[in-house]
Amino acid sequence: MADKPEPDGIVLTEAQQKSRRQRSIAIALALGVLVLLFFAVTMVKGPAVLVRPM
């Protein structure tokens, strides 16, 4: 009997997994910076920008 079952689908190499992990971290950091930027702009303009008459 085989020790490891055959994996289904595409199997990534260690280098590809590392690259994917680094790319995911970079995307998460960029998204976090974007959120902080929007938050900072909202605070500079004033929270009242969220309160608008209908």
Protein backbone atom coordinates (compact mmCIF):
# COMPACT_ATOMS: atom_id res chain seq x y z
CA MET A 1 0.00 0.00 0.00
CA ALA A 2 1.12 3.54 -0.64
CA ASP A 3 2.09 5.72 2.30
CA LYS A 4 0.73 8.89 0.72
CA PRO A 5 -2.48 8.95 -1.27
CA GLU A 6 -2.26 10.55 -4.69
CA PRO A 7 -3.36 14.19 -4.38
CA ASP A 8 -6.13 15.32 -6.68
CA GLY A 9 -5.62 18.40 -8.80
CA ILE A 10 -2.56 20.59 -9.09
CA VAL A 11 0.25 20.19 -6.57
CA LEU A 12 2.38 23.28 -5.99
CA THR A 13 6.10 23.13 -5.39
CA GLU A 14 7.63 24.67 -2.27
CA ALA A 15 8.74 27.71 -4.28
CA GLN A 16 5.23 28.20 -5.66
CA GLN A 17 3.69 27.88 -2.20
CA LYS A 18 6.15 30.43 -0.82
CA SER A 19 5.41 32.78 -3.70
CA ARG A 20 1.67 32.41 -3.15
CA ARG A 21 2.06 33.08 0.57
CA GLN A 22 4.15 36.21 -0.07
CA ARG A 23 1.65 37.45 -2.66
CA SER A 24 -1.23 36.92 -0.24
CA ILE A 25 0.58 38.85 2.48
CA ALA A 26 1.33 41.69 0.05
CA ILE A 27 -2.32 41.88 -1.01
CA ALA A 28 -3.47 41.88 2.62
CA LEU A 29 -1.05 44.67 3.52
CA ALA A 30 -2.10 46.75 0.51
CA LEU A 31 -5.75 46.30 1.44
CA GLY A 32 -5.01 47.29 5.04
CA VAL A 33 -3.22 50.44 3.89
CA LEU A 34 -6.16 51.31 1.66
CA VAL A 35 -8.59 50.91 4.56
CA LEU A 36 -6.41 53.09 6.78
CA LEU A 37 -6.18 55.69 4.01
CA PHE A 38 -9.97 55.84 3.66
CA PHE A 39 -10.32 56.07 7.43
CA ALA A 40 -7.76 58.88 7.65
CA VAL A 41 -9.42 60.84 4.84
CA THR A 42 -12.79 60.44 6.52
CA MET A 43 -11.39 61.71 9.82
CA VAL A 44 -9.67 64.68 8.14
CA LYS A 45 -12.82 65.67 6.28
CA GLY A 46 -14.78 65.18 9.45
CA PRO A 47 -17.11 62.41 10.54
CA ALA A 48 -20.04 64.66 9.59
CA VAL A 49 -19.43 63.67 5.97
CA LEU A 50 -21.29 60.47 6.83
CA VAL A 51 -24.38 62.38 8.03
CA ARG A 52 -26.22 63.68 4.99
CA PRO A 53 -29.79 64.86 4.61
CA MET A 54 -31.97 62.52 2.61
